[in-house]
């Protein structure tokens, strides 16, 4: 990767967040963090990341609503969003896409699969 890609990770669980930040940084991404949907709004508008990883079960404003708001904004509307959720029920993927997410991944995170989705959305070469 020539230019460092910036990812906003929106995750309220410390263990999930710390693990994912370390693994993404090791692969050369710059990672910003928000712990709830409201903070996600302000960080996304301030930093304009290349991609957002959005946990759906968040305090204050949930990931569904945070994504809808980000996608409705002219400033952040074109930023790709990948929903991260432990909800792997039929219809959850559709619900995420309806909220404006560009893709969907389930927890626990399988890093090679997630990196493939990140690469596809960012148009970057190869994941692990």
C-alpha atoms as a PDB file:
ATOM      1  CA  UNK A   1       0.000   0.000   0.000  1.00  0.00           C
ATOM      2  CA  UNK A   2       1.492   3.300  -1.033  1.00  0.00           C
ATOM      3  CA  UNK A   3      -0.657   5.606   1.066  1.00  0.00           C
ATOM      4  CA  UNK A   4      -1.730   4.557   4.524  1.00  0.00           C
ATOM      5  CA  UNK A   5      -5.412   3.747   4.581  1.00  0.00           C
ATOM      6  CA  UNK A   6      -7.337   5.005   7.587  1.00  0.00           C
ATOM      7  CA  UNK A   7      -9.988   2.818   9.183  1.00  0.00           C
ATOM      8  CA  UNK A   8     -12.447   3.977  11.813  1.00  0.00           C
ATOM      9  CA  UNK A   9     -13.238   1.084  14.148  1.00  0.00           C
ATOM     10  CA  UNK A  10     -16.482   1.585  16.051  1.00  0.00           C
ATOM     11  CA  UNK A  11     -16.519  -1.031  18.818  1.00  0.00           C
ATOM     12  CA  UNK A  12     -17.571  -0.802  22.469  1.00  0.00           C
ATOM     13  CA  UNK A  13     -15.992  -4.082  23.634  1.00  0.00           C
ATOM     14  CA  UNK A  14     -12.435  -3.456  24.872  1.00  0.00           C
ATOM     15  CA  UNK A  15     -11.129  -6.932  24.009  1.00  0.00           C
ATOM     16  CA  UNK A  16     -12.575  -6.956  20.491  1.00  0.00           C
ATOM     17  CA  UNK A  17     -11.366  -3.411  19.869  1.00  0.00           C
ATOM     18  CA  UNK A  18      -7.819  -3.967  21.136  1.00  0.00           C
ATOM     19  CA  UNK A  19      -7.389  -7.217  19.198  1.00  0.00           C
ATOM     20  CA  UNK A  20      -8.696  -5.754  15.949  1.00  0.00           C
ATOM     21  CA  UNK A  21      -6.685  -2.512  16.262  1.00  0.00           C
ATOM     22  CA  UNK A  22      -3.440  -4.458  16.743  1.00  0.00           C
ATOM     23  CA  UNK A  23      -4.131  -6.800  13.847  1.00  0.00           C
ATOM     24  CA  UNK A  24      -5.110  -3.983  11.459  1.00  0.00           C
ATOM     25  CA  UNK A  25      -2.117  -1.829  12.443  1.00  0.00           C
ATOM     26  CA  UNK A  26       0.201  -4.784  11.823  1.00  0.00           C
ATOM     27  CA  UNK A  27      -1.134  -4.829   8.270  1.00  0.00           C
ATOM     28  CA  UNK A  28      -0.321  -1.159   7.761  1.00  0.00           C
ATOM     29  CA  UNK A  29      -3.656   0.501   8.438  1.00  0.00           C
ATOM     30  CA  UNK A  30      -3.996   3.643  10.500  1.00  0.00           C
ATOM     31  CA  UNK A  31      -6.832   2.988  12.962  1.00  0.00           C
ATOM     32  CA  UNK A  32      -9.067   5.504  14.732  1.00  0.00           C
ATOM     33  CA  UNK A  33     -11.485   4.401  17.429  1.00  0.00           C
ATOM     34  CA  UNK A  34     -14.993   5.284  18.529  1.00  0.00           C
ATOM     35  CA  UNK A  35     -16.832   3.429  21.289  1.00  0.00           C
ATOM     36  CA  UNK A  36     -20.425   4.395  20.465  1.00  0.00           C
ATOM     37  CA  UNK A  37     -22.490   5.579  17.526  1.00  0.00           C
ATOM     38  CA  UNK A  38     -22.447   9.210  18.581  1.00  0.00           C
ATOM     39  CA  UNK A  39     -18.652   9.280  18.833  1.00  0.00           C
ATOM     40  CA  UNK A  40     -18.505   7.511  15.451  1.00  0.00           C
ATOM     41  CA  UNK A  41     -20.336  10.474  13.908  1.00  0.00           C
ATOM     42  CA  UNK A  42     -17.910  13.066  15.239  1.00  0.00           C
ATOM     43  CA  UNK A  43     -14.734  11.056  14.505  1.00  0.00           C
ATOM     44  CA  UNK A  44     -15.898  10.206  10.973  1.00  0.00           C
ATOM     45  CA  UNK A  45     -16.681  13.855  10.211  1.00  0.00           C
ATOM     46  CA  UNK A  46     -13.396  15.076  11.721  1.00  0.00           C
ATOM     47  CA  UNK A  47     -11.080  12.496  10.145  1.00  0.00           C
ATOM     48  CA  UNK A  48     -12.887  11.280   6.997  1.00  0.00           C
ATOM     49  CA  UNK A  49     -11.564   7.701   7.164  1.00  0.00           C
ATOM     50  CA  UNK A  50     -11.213   5.509   4.067  1.00  0.00           C
ATOM     51  CA  UNK A  51     -13.465   2.854   5.607  1.00  0.00           C
ATOM     52  CA  UNK A  52     -15.570   2.305   8.732  1.00  0.00           C
ATOM     53  CA  UNK A  53     -15.912  -0.968  10.638  1.00  0.00           C
ATOM     54  CA  UNK A  54     -19.199  -0.530  12.511  1.00  0.00           C
ATOM     55  CA  UNK A  55     -20.281  -2.717  15.407  1.00  0.00           C
ATOM     56  CA  UNK A  56     -24.073  -2.814  15.306  1.00  0.00           C
ATOM     57  CA  UNK A  57     -24.722  -3.261  19.042  1.00  0.00           C
ATOM     58  CA  UNK A  58     -23.498   0.034  20.437  1.00  0.00           C
ATOM     59  CA  UNK A  59     -24.462   2.298  23.344  1.00  0.00           C
ATOM     60  CA  UNK A  60     -25.870   5.836  22.892  1.00  0.00           C
ATOM     61  CA  UNK A  61     -26.660   5.457  19.165  1.00  0.00           C
ATOM     62  CA  UNK A  62     -26.620   1.912  17.769  1.00  0.00           C
ATOM     63  CA  UNK A  63     -24.673   0.978  14.666  1.00  0.00           C
ATOM     64  CA  UNK A  64     -27.789   0.796  12.501  1.00  0.00           C
ATOM     65  CA  UNK A  65     -28.739   4.417  13.223  1.00  0.00           C
ATOM     66  CA  UNK A  66     -25.120   5.651  13.183  1.00  0.00           C
ATOM     67  CA  UNK A  67     -24.680   4.152   9.709  1.00  0.00           C
ATOM     68  CA  UNK A  68     -27.929   5.709   8.455  1.00  0.00           C
ATOM     69  CA  UNK A  69     -26.755   9.126   9.690  1.00  0.00           C
ATOM     70  CA  UNK A  70     -23.263   8.755   8.211  1.00  0.00           C
ATOM     71  CA  UNK A  71     -24.663   7.686   4.840  1.00  0.00           C
ATOM     72  CA  UNK A  72     -27.130  10.610   4.850  1.00  0.00           C
ATOM     73  CA  UNK A  73     -24.332  13.158   5.329  1.00  0.00           C
ATOM     74  CA  UNK A  74     -22.678  14.707   2.262  1.00  0.00           C
ATOM     75  CA  UNK A  75     -19.361  14.649   4.163  1.00  0.00           C
ATOM     76  CA  UNK A  76     -19.352  10.946   5.095  1.00  0.00           C
ATOM     77  CA  UNK A  77     -21.923   9.394   2.758  1.00  0.00           C
ATOM     78  CA  UNK A  78     -19.401   7.887   0.360  1.00  0.00           C
ATOM     79  CA  UNK A  79     -17.246   6.196   3.034  1.00  0.00           C
ATOM     80  CA  UNK A  80     -17.680   2.400   2.817  1.00  0.00           C
ATOM     81  CA  UNK A  81     -19.085   0.820   5.994  1.00  0.00           C
ATOM     82  CA  UNK A  82     -18.712  -2.823   6.975  1.00  0.00           C
ATOM     83  CA  UNK A  83     -21.185  -3.947   9.624  1.00  0.00           C
ATOM     84  CA  UNK A  84     -19.639  -6.101  12.360  1.00  0.00           C
ATOM     85  CA  UNK A  85     -22.168  -8.076  14.310  1.00  0.00           C
ATOM     86  CA  UNK A  86     -22.631 -11.152  16.404  1.00  0.00           C
ATOM     87  CA  UNK A  87     -26.172 -11.238  14.972  1.00  0.00           C
ATOM     88  CA  UNK A  88     -25.855 -13.900  12.316  1.00  0.00           C
ATOM     89  CA  UNK A  89     -29.561 -14.510  11.910  1.00  0.00           C
ATOM     90  CA  UNK A  90     -31.246 -14.699   8.535  1.00  0.00           C
ATOM     91  CA  UNK A  91     -32.151 -11.176   7.535  1.00  0.00           C
ATOM     92  CA  UNK A  92     -29.398  -9.446   9.532  1.00  0.00           C
ATOM     93  CA  UNK A  93     -27.251  -9.009   6.423  1.00  0.00           C
ATOM     94  CA  UNK A  94     -30.221  -7.450   4.606  1.00  0.00           C
ATOM     95  CA  UNK A  95     -30.909  -5.214   7.597  1.00  0.00           C
ATOM     96  CA  UNK A  96     -27.279  -4.025   7.563  1.00  0.00           C
ATOM     97  CA  UNK A  97     -27.385  -3.306   3.834  1.00  0.00           C
ATOM     98  CA  UNK A  98     -30.712  -1.476   4.205  1.00  0.00           C
ATOM     99  CA  UNK A  99     -29.128   0.725   6.903  1.00  0.00           C
ATOM    100  CA  UNK A 100     -26.514   1.710   4.331  1.00  0.00           C
ATOM    101  CA  UNK A 101     -23.670  -0.696   5.100  1.00  0.00           C
ATOM    102  CA  UNK A 102     -21.631  -1.710   2.071  1.00  0.00           C
ATOM    103  CA  UNK A 103     -20.818  -5.139   3.457  1.00  0.00           C
ATOM    104  CA  UNK A 104     -21.388  -7.298   6.518  1.00  0.00           C
ATOM    105  CA  UNK A 105     -19.191  -9.557   8.623  1.00  0.00           C
ATOM    106  CA  UNK A 106     -19.978 -11.693  11.618  1.00  0.00           C
ATOM    107  CA  UNK A 107     -18.233 -12.019  14.957  1.00  0.00           C
ATOM    108  CA  UNK A 108     -16.036 -13.615  16.015  1.00  0.00           C
ATOM    109  CA  UNK A 109     -13.972 -11.878  13.354  1.00  0.00           C
ATOM    110  CA  UNK A 110     -12.070 -14.090  10.936  1.00  0.00           C
ATOM    111  CA  UNK A 111      -9.299 -11.690   9.921  1.00  0.00           C
ATOM    112  CA  UNK A 112      -8.510 -13.105   6.444  1.00  0.00           C
ATOM    113  CA  UNK A 113     -12.203 -12.900   5.499  1.00  0.00           C
ATOM    114  CA  UNK A 114     -12.519  -9.352   6.893  1.00  0.00           C
ATOM    115  CA  UNK A 115      -9.317  -8.211   5.154  1.00  0.00           C
ATOM    116  CA  UNK A 116     -10.716  -9.543   1.886  1.00  0.00           C
ATOM    117  CA  UNK A 117     -13.844  -7.432   2.331  1.00  0.00           C
ATOM    118  CA  UNK A 118     -11.770  -4.364   3.282  1.00  0.00           C
ATOM    119  CA  UNK A 119      -9.558  -4.827   0.205  1.00  0.00           C
ATOM    120  CA  UNK A 120     -12.580  -5.243  -2.062  1.00  0.00           C
ATOM    121  CA  UNK A 121     -14.168  -2.002  -0.811  1.00  0.00           C
ATOM    122  CA  UNK A 122     -10.942   0.005  -0.834  1.00  0.00           C
ATOM    123  CA  UNK A 123      -9.799  -1.384  -4.174  1.00  0.00           C
ATOM    124  CA  UNK A 124      -6.468  -2.418  -2.683  1.00  0.00           C
ATOM    125  CA  UNK A 125      -4.505  -5.480  -3.633  1.00  0.00           C
ATOM    126  CA  UNK A 126      -4.529  -8.704  -1.702  1.00  0.00           C
ATOM    127  CA  UNK A 127      -5.337  -9.646   1.815  1.00  0.00           C
ATOM    128  CA  UNK A 128      -3.468 -12.392   3.640  1.00  0.00           C
END
